Amino acid sequence: MAKINHIVLFGWTESATDEQRAACVQALHALPGLIPGLLSCTGGPQISPEPHGQGFDYGVVMTFADLAARDLYLTHPVHLRVIRDHIAPILARVQVLDHAL
């Protein structure tokens, strides 16, 4: 079965502090090793000069071993805790795209 890339674009609220953003990024990048089948997480802030950013500030690409690993991640308690504690309080918008490698 093919590996899966899970691409997530985040747009932060205007009130999001640098500390909140940093904690969110740190929590996301700590997920590999905590969730089975999550092979890697890379990402960074929006730096494109193109006008198509549509208010997205940060993006991550997570690579999963397969669809089953991605599905486990979606409901995994550690992932849900990161959403609750770090992402949701500062999230204005989100866009997700998954594709097979």
PDB file of N, CA and C in Angstrom:
ATOM      1  N   MET A   1       0.845  -1.191   0.000  1.00  0.00           N
ATOM      2  CA  MET A   1       0.000   0.000   0.000  1.00  0.00           C
ATOM      3  C   MET A   1       0.889   1.253   0.000  1.00  0.00           C
ATOM      4  N   ALA A   2       0.427   2.299  -0.630  1.00  0.00           N
ATOM      5  CA  ALA A   2       1.200   3.524  -0.810  1.00  0.00           C
ATOM      6  C   ALA A   2       1.276   4.355   0.466  1.00  0.00           C
ATOM      7  N   LYS A   3       2.394   5.032   0.615  1.00  0.00           N
ATOM      8  CA  LYS A   3       2.497   6.034   1.664  1.00  0.00           C
ATOM      9  C   LYS A   3       1.546   7.183   1.331  1.00  0.00           C
ATOM     10  N   ILE A   4       1.176   7.944   2.365  1.00  0.00           N
ATOM     11  CA  ILE A   4       0.236   9.051   2.215  1.00  0.00           C
ATOM     12  C   ILE A   4       0.877  10.336   2.724  1.00  0.00           C
ATOM     13  N   ASN A   5       0.787  11.397   1.934  1.00  0.00           N
ATOM     14  CA  ASN A   5       1.135  12.736   2.415  1.00  0.00           C
ATOM     15  C   ASN A   5      -0.149  13.422   2.851  1.00  0.00           C
ATOM     16  N   HIS A   6      -0.116  13.980   4.034  1.00  0.00           N
ATOM     17  CA  HIS A   6      -1.233  14.716   4.639  1.00  0.00           C
ATOM     18  C   HIS A   6      -0.741  16.157   4.761  1.00  0.00           C
ATOM     19  N   ILE A   7      -1.309  17.032   3.922  1.00  0.00           N
ATOM     20  CA  ILE A   7      -0.864  18.425   3.863  1.00  0.00           C
ATOM     21  C   ILE A   7      -1.919  19.288   4.546  1.00  0.00           C
ATOM     22  N   VAL A   8      -1.482  20.083   5.514  1.00  0.00           N
ATOM     23  CA  VAL A   8      -2.417  20.933   6.252  1.00  0.00           C
ATOM     24  C   VAL A   8      -1.893  22.360   6.247  1.00  0.00           C
ATOM     25  N   LEU A   9      -2.756  23.282   5.838  1.00  0.00           N
ATOM     26  CA  LEU A   9      -2.441  24.709   5.848  1.00  0.00           C
ATOM     27  C   LEU A   9      -3.256  25.375   6.942  1.00  0.00           C
ATOM     28  N   PHE A  10      -2.602  26.156   7.774  1.00  0.00           N
ATOM     29  CA  PHE A  10      -3.244  26.825   8.897  1.00  0.00           C
ATOM     30  C   PHE A  10      -3.224  28.338   8.697  1.00  0.00           C
ATOM     31  N   GLY A  11      -4.318  28.974   9.003  1.00  0.00           N
ATOM     32  CA  GLY A  11      -4.381  30.423   9.093  1.00  0.00           C
ATOM     33  C   GLY A  11      -4.666  30.770  10.538  1.00  0.00           C
ATOM     34  N   TRP A  12      -3.792  31.538  11.139  1.00  0.00           N
ATOM     35  CA  TRP A  12      -3.933  31.878  12.560  1.00  0.00           C
ATOM     36  C   TRP A  12      -4.823  33.102  12.740  1.00  0.00           C
ATOM     37  N   THR A  13      -5.426  33.200  13.909  1.00  0.00           N
ATOM     38  CA  THR A  13      -6.206  34.388  14.249  1.00  0.00           C
ATOM     39  C   THR A  13      -5.254  35.572  14.400  1.00  0.00           C
ATOM     40  N   GLU A  14      -5.791  36.766  14.258  1.00  0.00           N
ATOM     41  CA  GLU A  14      -4.965  37.963  14.437  1.00  0.00           C
ATOM     42  C   GLU A  14      -4.463  38.095  15.866  1.00  0.00           C
ATOM     43  N   SER A  15      -5.197  37.502  16.812  1.00  0.00           N
ATOM     44  CA  SER A  15      -4.801  37.600  18.219  1.00  0.00           C
ATOM     45  C   SER A  15      -3.793  36.530  18.641  1.00  0.00           C
ATOM     46  N   ALA A  16      -3.437  35.609  17.745  1.00  0.00           N
ATOM     47  CA  ALA A  16      -2.471  34.561  18.091  1.00  0.00           C
ATOM     48  C   ALA A  16      -1.122  35.186  18.438  1.00  0.00           C
ATOM     49  N   THR A  17      -0.586  34.800  19.567  1.00  0.00           N
ATOM     50  CA  THR A  17       0.714  35.327  19.990  1.00  0.00           C
ATOM     51  C   THR A  17       1.847  34.492  19.391  1.00  0.00           C
ATOM     52  N   ASP A  18       3.041  35.058  19.394  1.00  0.00           N
ATOM     53  CA  ASP A  18       4.213  34.313  18.929  1.00  0.00           C
ATOM     54  C   ASP A  18       4.409  33.050  19.763  1.00  0.00           C
ATOM     55  N   GLU A  19       4.138  33.139  21.057  1.00  0.00           N
ATOM     56  CA  GLU A  19       4.292  31.990  21.945  1.00  0.00           C
ATOM     57  C   GLU A  19       3.291  30.890  21.593  1.00  0.00           C
ATOM     58  N   GLN A  20       2.051  31.264  21.302  1.00  0.00           N
ATOM     59  CA  GLN A  20       1.042  30.270  20.917  1.00  0.00           C
ATOM     60  C   GLN A  20       1.410  29.604  19.598  1.00  0.00           C
ATOM     61  N   ARG A  21       1.853  30.386  18.646  1.00  0.00           N
ATOM     62  CA  ARG A  21       2.256  29.826  17.352  1.00  0.00           C
ATOM     63  C   ARG A  21       3.414  28.852  17.528  1.00  0.00           C
ATOM     64  N   ALA A  22       4.411  29.251  18.307  1.00  0.00           N
ATOM     65  CA  ALA A  22       5.576  28.398  18.532  1.00  0.00           C
ATOM     66  C   ALA A  22       5.189  27.106  19.241  1.00  0.00           C
ATOM     67  N   ALA A  23       4.299  27.179  20.216  1.00  0.00           N
ATOM     68  CA  ALA A  23       3.853  25.976  20.924  1.00  0.00           C
ATOM     69  C   ALA A  23       3.097  25.036  19.994  1.00  0.00           C
ATOM     70  N   CYS A  24       2.307  25.598  19.098  1.00  0.00           N
ATOM     71  CA  CYS A  24       1.568  24.807  18.124  1.00  0.00           C
ATOM     72  C   CYS A  24       2.534  24.075  17.195  1.00  0.00           C
ATOM     73  N   VAL A  25       3.490  24.787  16.666  1.00  0.00           N
ATOM     74  CA  VAL A  25       4.478  24.207  15.760  1.00  0.00           C
ATOM     75  C   VAL A  25       5.259  23.104  16.478  1.00  0.00           C
ATOM     76  N   GLN A  26       5.694  23.372  17.683  1.00  0.00           N
ATOM     77  CA  GLN A  26       6.457  22.388  18.451  1.00  0.00           C
ATOM     78  C   GLN A  26       5.619  21.131  18.681  1.00  0.00           C
ATOM     79  N   ALA A  27       4.358  21.298  19.029  1.00  0.00           N
ATOM     80  CA  ALA A  27       3.480  20.144  19.276  1.00  0.00           C
ATOM     81  C   ALA A  27       3.270  19.320  18.010  1.00  0.00           C
ATOM     82  N   LEU A  28       3.071  19.987  16.878  1.00  0.00           N
ATOM     83  CA  LEU A  28       2.885  19.273  15.616  1.00  0.00           C
ATOM     84  C   LEU A  28       4.130  18.472  15.237  1.00  0.00           C
ATOM     85  N   HIS A  29       5.289  19.094  15.366  1.00  0.00           N
ATOM     86  CA  HIS A  29       6.524  18.442  14.940  1.00  0.00           C
ATOM     87  C   HIS A  29       6.976  17.361  15.914  1.00  0.00           C
ATOM     88  N   ALA A  30       6.367  17.290  17.084  1.00  0.00           N
ATOM     89  CA  ALA A  30       6.675  16.230  18.047  1.00  0.00           C
ATOM     90  C   ALA A  30       5.847  14.975  17.802  1.00  0.00           C
ATOM     91  N   LEU A  31       4.853  15.020  16.925  1.00  0.00           N
ATOM     92  CA  LEU A  31       3.937  13.891  16.738  1.00  0.00           C
ATOM     93  C   LEU A  31       4.589  12.629  16.168  1.00  0.00           C
ATOM     94  N   PRO A  32       5.534  12.721  15.216  1.00  0.00           N
ATOM     95  CA  PRO A  32       6.188  11.477  14.786  1.00  0.00           C
ATOM     96  C   PRO A  32       6.880  10.813  15.977  1.00  0.00           C
ATOM     97  N   GLY A  33       6.701   9.533  16.094  1.00  0.00           N
ATOM     98  CA  GLY A  33       7.244   8.817  17.256  1.00  0.00           C
ATOM     99  C   GLY A  33       6.220   8.655  18.357  1.00  0.00           C
ATOM    100  N   LEU A  34       5.186   9.501  18.355  1.00  0.00           N
ATOM    101  CA  LEU A  34       4.116   9.394  19.341  1.00  0.00           C
ATOM    102  C   LEU A  34       2.892   8.686  18.773  1.00  0.00           C
ATOM    103  N   ILE A  35       2.771   8.695  17.445  1.00  0.00           N
ATOM    104  CA  ILE A  35       1.621   8.083  16.779  1.00  0.00           C
ATOM    105  C   ILE A  35       2.150   7.054  15.787  1.00  0.00           C
ATOM    106  N   PRO A  36       1.760   5.795  15.950  1.00  0.00           N
ATOM    107  CA  PRO A  36       2.255   4.745  15.046  1.00  0.00           C
ATOM    108  C   PRO A  36       1.926   5.047  13.584  1.00  0.00           C
ATOM    109  N   GLY A  37       2.908   4.833  12.720  1.00  0.00           N
ATOM    110  CA  GLY A  37       2.708   5.008  11.294  1.00  0.00           C
ATOM    111  C   GLY A  37       2.909   6.420  10.783  1.00  0.00           C
ATOM    112  N   LEU A  38       3.068   7.383  11.679  1.00  0.00           N
ATOM    113  CA  LEU A  38       3.390   8.753  11.264  1.00  0.00           C
ATOM    114  C   LEU A  38       4.908   8.818  11.113  1.00  0.00           C
ATOM    115  N   LEU A  39       5.362   8.843   9.870  1.00  0.00           N
ATOM    116  CA  LEU A  39       6.785   8.719   9.571  1.00  0.00           C
ATOM    117  C   LEU A  39       7.553  10.023   9.702  1.00  0.00           C
ATOM    118  N   SER A  40       6.923  11.134   9.319  1.00  0.00           N
ATOM    119  CA  SER A  40       7.630  12.415   9.386  1.00  0.00           C
ATOM    120  C   SER A  40       6.636  13.571   9.376  1.00  0.00           C
ATOM    121  N   CYS A  41       7.129  14.708   9.837  1.00  0.00           N
ATOM    122  CA  CYS A  41       6.364  15.952   9.815  1.00  0.00           C
ATOM    123  C   CYS A  41       7.345  17.076   9.509  1.00  0.00           C
ATOM    124  N   THR A  42       7.126  17.741   8.386  1.00  0.00           N
ATOM    125  CA  THR A  42       7.939  18.897   8.028  1.00  0.00           C
ATOM    126  C   THR A  42       6.994  20.067   7.803  1.00  0.00           C
ATOM    127  N   GLY A  43       7.510  21.251   7.926  1.00  0.00           N
ATOM    128  CA  GLY A  43       6.651  22.400   7.692  1.00  0.00           C
ATOM    129  C   GLY A  43       7.369  23.698   7.931  1.00  0.00           C
ATOM    130  N   GLY A  44       6.615  24.772   7.717  1.00  0.00           N
ATOM    131  CA  GLY A  44       7.179  26.086   7.935  1.00  0.00           C
ATOM    132  C   GLY A  44       6.173  27.167   7.635  1.00  0.00           C
ATOM    133  N   PRO A  45       6.559  28.397   7.945  1.00  0.00           N
ATOM    134  CA  PRO A  45       5.671  29.536   7.701  1.00  0.00           C
ATOM    135  C   PRO A  45       5.563  29.853   6.213  1.00  0.00           C
ATOM    136  N   GLN A  46       4.489  30.489   5.856  1.00  0.00           N
ATOM    137  CA  GLN A  46       4.237  30.932   4.484  1.00  0.00           C
ATOM    138  C   GLN A  46       5.297  31.952   4.084  1.00  0.00           C
ATOM    139  N   ILE A  47       6.011  31.687   2.990  1.00  0.00           N
ATOM    140  CA  ILE A  47       7.018  32.636   2.504  1.00  0.00           C
ATOM    141  C   ILE A  47       6.860  32.918   1.013  1.00  0.00           C
ATOM    142  N   SER A  48       5.794  32.419   0.401  1.00  0.00           N
ATOM    143  CA  SER A  48       5.616  32.605  -1.038  1.00  0.00           C
ATOM    144  C   SER A  48       5.269  34.057  -1.360  1.00  0.00           C
ATOM    145  N   PRO A  49       5.869  34.595  -2.424  1.00  0.00           N
ATOM    146  CA  PRO A  49       5.506  35.945  -2.860  1.00  0.00           C
ATOM    147  C   PRO A  49       4.235  35.950  -3.718  1.00  0.00           C
ATOM    148  N   GLU A  50       3.717  34.759  -4.049  1.00  0.00           N
ATOM    149  CA  GLU A  50       2.516  34.682  -4.885  1.00  0.00           C
ATOM    150  C   GLU A  50       1.290  35.149  -4.104  1.00  0.00           C
ATOM    151  N   PRO A  51       0.311  35.704  -4.795  1.00  0.00           N
ATOM    152  CA  PRO A  51      -0.860  36.259  -4.100  1.00  0.00           C
ATOM    153  C   PRO A  51      -1.928  35.219  -3.756  1.00  0.00           C
ATOM    154  N   HIS A  52      -1.589  33.932  -3.822  1.00  0.00           N
ATOM    155  CA  HIS A  52      -2.603  32.898  -3.638  1.00  0.00           C
ATOM    156  C   HIS A  52      -2.587  32.274  -2.247  1.00  0.00           C
ATOM    157  N   GLY A  53      -1.967  32.905  -1.277  1.00  0.00           N
ATOM    158  CA  GLY A  53      -1.871  32.355   0.067  1.00  0.00           C
ATOM    159  C   GLY A  53      -3.192  32.268   0.798  1.00  0.00           C
ATOM    160  N   GLN A  54      -4.158  33.090   0.442  1.00  0.00           N
ATOM    161  CA  GLN A  54      -5.509  33.079   0.979  1.00  0.00           C
ATOM    162  C   GLN A  54      -5.556  33.056   2.510  1.00  0.00           C
ATOM    163  N   GLY A  55      -4.638  33.755   3.137  1.00  0.00           N
ATOM    164  CA  GLY A  55      -4.673  33.883   4.590  1.00  0.00           C
ATOM    165  C   GLY A  55      -4.070  32.729   5.359  1.00  0.00           C
ATOM    166  N   PHE A  56      -3.339  31.848   4.679  1.00  0.00           N
ATOM    167  CA  PHE A  56      -2.689  30.744   5.382  1.00  0.00           C
ATOM    168  C   PHE A  56      -1.291  31.170   5.808  1.00  0.00           C
ATOM    169  N   ASP A  57      -0.976  30.883   7.068  1.00  0.00           N
ATOM    170  CA  ASP A  57       0.264  31.343   7.672  1.00  0.00           C
ATOM    171  C   ASP A  57       1.323  30.265   7.830  1.00  0.00           C
ATOM    172  N   TYR A  58       0.891  29.002   7.933  1.00  0.00           N
ATOM    173  CA  TYR A  58       1.817  27.910   8.247  1.00  0.00           C
ATOM    174  C   TYR A  58       1.307  26.640   7.584  1.00  0.00           C
ATOM    175  N   GLY A  59       2.229  25.819   7.113  1.00  0.00           N
ATOM    176  CA  GLY A  59       1.837  24.556   6.503  1.00  0.00           C
ATOM    177  C   GLY A  59       2.701  23.414   6.984  1.00  0.00           C
ATOM    178  N   VAL A  60       2.090  22.225   7.067  1.00  0.00           N
ATOM    179  CA  VAL A  60       2.826  21.013   7.408  1.00  0.00           C
ATOM    180  C   VAL A  60       2.539  19.941   6.368  1.00  0.00           C
ATOM    181  N   VAL A  61       3.523  19.087   6.177  1.00  0.00           N
ATOM    182  CA  VAL A  61       3.364  17.880   5.383  1.00  0.00           C
ATOM    183  C   VAL A  61       3.748  16.720   6.281  1.00  0.00           C
ATOM    184  N   MET A  62       2.771  15.871   6.534  1.00  0.00           N
ATOM    185  CA  MET A  62       3.003  14.668   7.333  1.00  0.00           C
ATOM    186  C   MET A  62       2.960  13.471   6.397  1.00  0.00           C
ATOM    187  N   THR A  63       3.925  12.573   6.551  1.00  0.00           N
ATOM    188  CA  THR A  63       3.945  11.365   5.727  1.00  0.00           C
ATOM    189  C   THR A  63       3.591  10.178   6.614  1.00  0.00           C
ATOM    190  N   PHE A  64       2.611   9.415   6.135  1.00  0.00           N
ATOM    191  CA  PHE A  64       2.128   8.232   6.846  1.00  0.00           C
ATOM    192  C   PHE A  64       2.500   6.982   6.072  1.00  0.00           C
ATOM    193  N   ALA A  65       2.656   5.886   6.799  1.00  0.00           N
ATOM    194  CA  ALA A  65       3.021   4.609   6.186  1.00  0.00           C
ATOM    195  C   ALA A  65       1.978   4.147   5.180  1.00  0.00           C
ATOM    196  N   ASP A  66       0.709   4.434   5.465  1.00  0.00           N
ATOM    197  CA  ASP A  66      -0.385   4.009   4.590  1.00  0.00           C
ATOM    198  C   ASP A  66      -1.675   4.676   5.057  1.00  0.00           C
ATOM    199  N   LEU A  67      -2.772   4.368   4.366  1.00  0.00           N
ATOM    200  CA  LEU A  67      -4.068   4.964   4.726  1.00  0.00           C
ATOM    201  C   LEU A  67      -4.504   4.591   6.137  1.00  0.00           C
ATOM    202  N   ALA A  68      -4.229   3.365   6.541  1.00  0.00           N
ATOM    203  CA  ALA A  68      -4.624   2.932   7.888  1.00  0.00           C
ATOM    204  C   ALA A  68      -3.919   3.765   8.955  1.00  0.00           C
ATOM    205  N   ALA A  69      -2.644   4.087   8.730  1.00  0.00           N
ATOM    206  CA  ALA A  69      -1.902   4.919   9.688  1.00  0.00           C
ATOM    207  C   ALA A  69      -2.473   6.328   9.723  1.00  0.00           C
ATOM    208  N   ARG A  70      -2.811   6.871   8.548  1.00  0.00           N
ATOM    209  CA  ARG A  70      -3.435   8.201   8.502  1.00  0.00           C
ATOM    210  C   ARG A  70      -4.762   8.197   9.247  1.00  0.00           C
ATOM    211  N   ASP A  71      -5.555   7.160   9.030  1.00  0.00           N
ATOM    212  CA  ASP A  71      -6.854   7.061   9.699  1.00  0.00           C
ATOM    213  C   ASP A  71      -6.702   6.943  11.214  1.00  0.00           C
ATOM    214  N   LEU A  72      -5.706   6.193  11.673  1.00  0.00           N
ATOM    215  CA  LEU A  72      -5.434   6.078  13.114  1.00  0.00           C
ATOM    216  C   LEU A  72      -5.080   7.445  13.689  1.00  0.00           C
ATOM    217  N   TYR A  73      -4.253   8.183  12.979  1.00  0.00           N
ATOM    218  CA  TYR A  73      -3.831   9.520  13.406  1.00  0.00           C
ATOM    219  C   TYR A  73      -5.018  10.457  13.608  1.00  0.00           C
ATOM    220  N   LEU A  74      -5.987  10.401  12.693  1.00  0.00           N
ATOM    221  CA  LEU A  74      -7.101  11.346  12.735  1.00  0.00           C
ATOM    222  C   LEU A  74      -7.879  11.290  14.044  1.00  0.00           C
ATOM    223  N   THR A  75      -7.949  10.128  14.660  1.00  0.00           N
ATOM    224  CA  THR A  75      -8.703   9.985  15.918  1.00  0.00           C
ATOM    225  C   THR A  75      -7.808   9.666  17.112  1.00  0.00           C
ATOM    226  N   HIS A  76      -6.498   9.709  16.915  1.00  0.00           N
ATOM    227  CA  HIS A  76      -5.569   9.374  18.002  1.00  0.00           C
ATOM    228  C   HIS A  76      -5.649  10.432  19.105  1.00  0.00           C
ATOM    229  N   PRO A  77      -5.676  10.007  20.366  1.00  0.00           N
ATOM    230  CA  PRO A  77      -5.792  10.967  21.475  1.00  0.00           C
ATOM    231  C   PRO A  77      -4.693  12.027  21.521  1.00  0.00           C
ATOM    232  N   VAL A  78      -3.485  11.682  21.137  1.00  0.00           N
ATOM    233  CA  VAL A  78      -2.399  12.669  21.145  1.00  0.00           C
ATOM    234  C   VAL A  78      -2.673  13.750  20.098  1.00  0.00           C
ATOM    235  N   HIS A  79      -3.102  13.355  18.916  1.00  0.00           N
ATOM    236  CA  HIS A  79      -3.447  14.321  17.867  1.00  0.00           C
ATOM    237  C   HIS A  79      -4.607  15.203  18.317  1.00  0.00           C
ATOM    238  N   LEU A  80      -5.632  14.596  18.880  1.00  0.00           N
ATOM    239  CA  LEU A  80      -6.792  15.368  19.337  1.00  0.00           C
ATOM    240  C   LEU A  80      -6.420  16.343  20.446  1.00  0.00           C
ATOM    241  N   ARG A  81      -5.475  15.968  21.293  1.00  0.00           N
ATOM    242  CA  ARG A  81      -5.010  16.865  22.357  1.00  0.00           C
ATOM    243  C   ARG A  81      -4.251  18.058  21.771  1.00  0.00           C
ATOM    244  N   VAL A  82      -3.439  17.823  20.728  1.00  0.00           N
ATOM    245  CA  VAL A  82      -2.730  18.927  20.067  1.00  0.00           C
ATOM    246  C   VAL A  82      -3.742  19.895  19.455  1.00  0.00           C
ATOM    247  N   ILE A  83      -4.770  19.356  18.821  1.00  0.00           N
ATOM    248  CA  ILE A  83      -5.809  20.218  18.260  1.00  0.00           C
ATOM    249  C   ILE A  83      -6.460  21.048  19.369  1.00  0.00           C
ATOM    250  N   ARG A  84      -6.891  20.378  20.425  1.00  0.00           N
ATOM    251  CA  ARG A  84      -7.608  21.054  21.510  1.00  0.00           C
ATOM    252  C   ARG A  84      -6.751  22.107  22.212  1.00  0.00           C
ATOM    253  N   ASP A  85      -5.517  21.734  22.542  1.00  0.00           N
ATOM    254  CA  ASP A  85      -4.679  22.593  23.381  1.00  0.00           C
ATOM    255  C   ASP A  85      -3.902  23.658  22.610  1.00  0.00           C
ATOM    256  N   HIS A  86      -3.570  23.385  21.359  1.00  0.00           N
ATOM    257  CA  HIS A  86      -2.665  24.288  20.641  1.00  0.00           C
ATOM    258  C   HIS A  86      -3.243  24.888  19.366  1.00  0.00           C
ATOM    259  N   ILE A  87      -3.937  24.070  18.577  1.00  0.00           N
ATOM    260  CA  ILE A  87      -4.407  24.547  17.281  1.00  0.00           C
ATOM    261  C   ILE A  87      -5.712  25.323  17.400  1.00  0.00           C
ATOM    262  N   ALA A  88      -6.727  24.715  17.983  1.00  0.00           N
ATOM    263  CA  ALA A  88      -8.066  25.325  18.029  1.00  0.00           C
ATOM    264  C   ALA A  88      -8.084  26.735  18.622  1.00  0.00           C
ATOM    265  N   PRO A  89      -7.321  27.011  19.688  1.00  0.00           N
ATOM    266  CA  PRO A  89      -7.396  28.360  20.269  1.00  0.00           C
ATOM    267  C   PRO A  89      -6.924  29.487  19.349  1.00  0.00           C
ATOM    268  N   ILE A  90      -6.127  29.152  18.329  1.00  0.00           N
ATOM    269  CA  ILE A  90      -5.595  30.216  17.465  1.00  0.00           C
ATOM    270  C   ILE A  90      -5.941  30.005  15.988  1.00  0.00           C
ATOM    271  N   LEU A  91      -6.811  29.069  15.693  1.00  0.00           N
ATOM    272  CA  LEU A  91      -7.120  28.724  14.305  1.00  0.00           C
ATOM    273  C   LEU A  91      -8.231  29.595  13.734  1.00  0.00           C
ATOM    274  N   ALA A  92      -7.932  30.239  12.615  1.00  0.00           N
ATOM    275  CA  ALA A  92      -8.937  31.019  11.892  1.00  0.00           C
ATOM    276  C   ALA A  92      -9.449  30.247  10.676  1.00  0.00           C
ATOM    277  N   ARG A  93      -8.560  29.486  10.038  1.00  0.00           N
ATOM    278  CA  ARG A  93      -8.936  28.717   8.851  1.00  0.00           C
ATOM    279  C   ARG A  93      -7.970  27.551   8.700  1.00  0.00           C
ATOM    280  N   VAL A  94      -8.428  26.521   8.007  1.00  0.00           N
ATOM    281  CA  VAL A  94      -7.582  25.356   7.758  1.00  0.00           C
ATOM    282  C   VAL A  94      -7.971  24.751   6.407  1.00  0.00           C
ATOM    283  N   GLN A  95      -6.991  24.176   5.737  1.00  0.00           N
ATOM    284  CA  GLN A  95      -7.207  23.461   4.475  1.00  0.00           C
ATOM    285  C   GLN A  95      -6.378  22.188   4.521  1.00  0.00           C
ATOM    286  N   VAL A  96      -6.992  21.071   4.125  1.00  0.00           N
ATOM    287  CA  VAL A  96      -6.309  19.775   4.162  1.00  0.00           C
ATOM    288  C   VAL A  96      -6.371  19.147   2.784  1.00  0.00           C
ATOM    289  N   LEU A  97      -5.263  18.522   2.387  1.00  0.00           N
ATOM    290  CA  LEU A  97      -5.212  17.741   1.160  1.00  0.00           C
ATOM    291  C   LEU A  97      -4.333  16.521   1.428  1.00  0.00           C
ATOM    292  N   ASP A  98      -4.855  15.341   1.145  1.00  0.00           N
ATOM    293  CA  ASP A  98      -4.088  14.102   1.270  1.00  0.00           C
ATOM    294  C   ASP A  98      -3.870  13.531  -0.123  1.00  0.00           C
ATOM    295  N   HIS A  99      -2.696  12.938  -0.339  1.00  0.00           N
ATOM    296  CA  HIS A  99      -2.443  12.250  -1.619  1.00  0.00           C
ATOM    297  C   HIS A  99      -1.502  11.085  -1.384  1.00  0.00           C
ATOM    298  N   ALA A 100      -1.630  10.098  -2.268  1.00  0.00           N
ATOM    299  CA  ALA A 100      -0.769   8.919  -2.198  1.00  0.00           C
ATOM    300  C   ALA A 100       0.573   9.235  -2.842  1.00  0.00           C
ATOM    301  N   LEU A 101       1.612   8.631  -2.304  1.00  0.00           N
ATOM    302  CA  LEU A 101       2.959   8.783  -2.881  1.00  0.00           C
ATOM    303  C   LEU A 101       3.249   7.627  -3.827  1.00  0.00           C
TER     304      LEU A 101
END
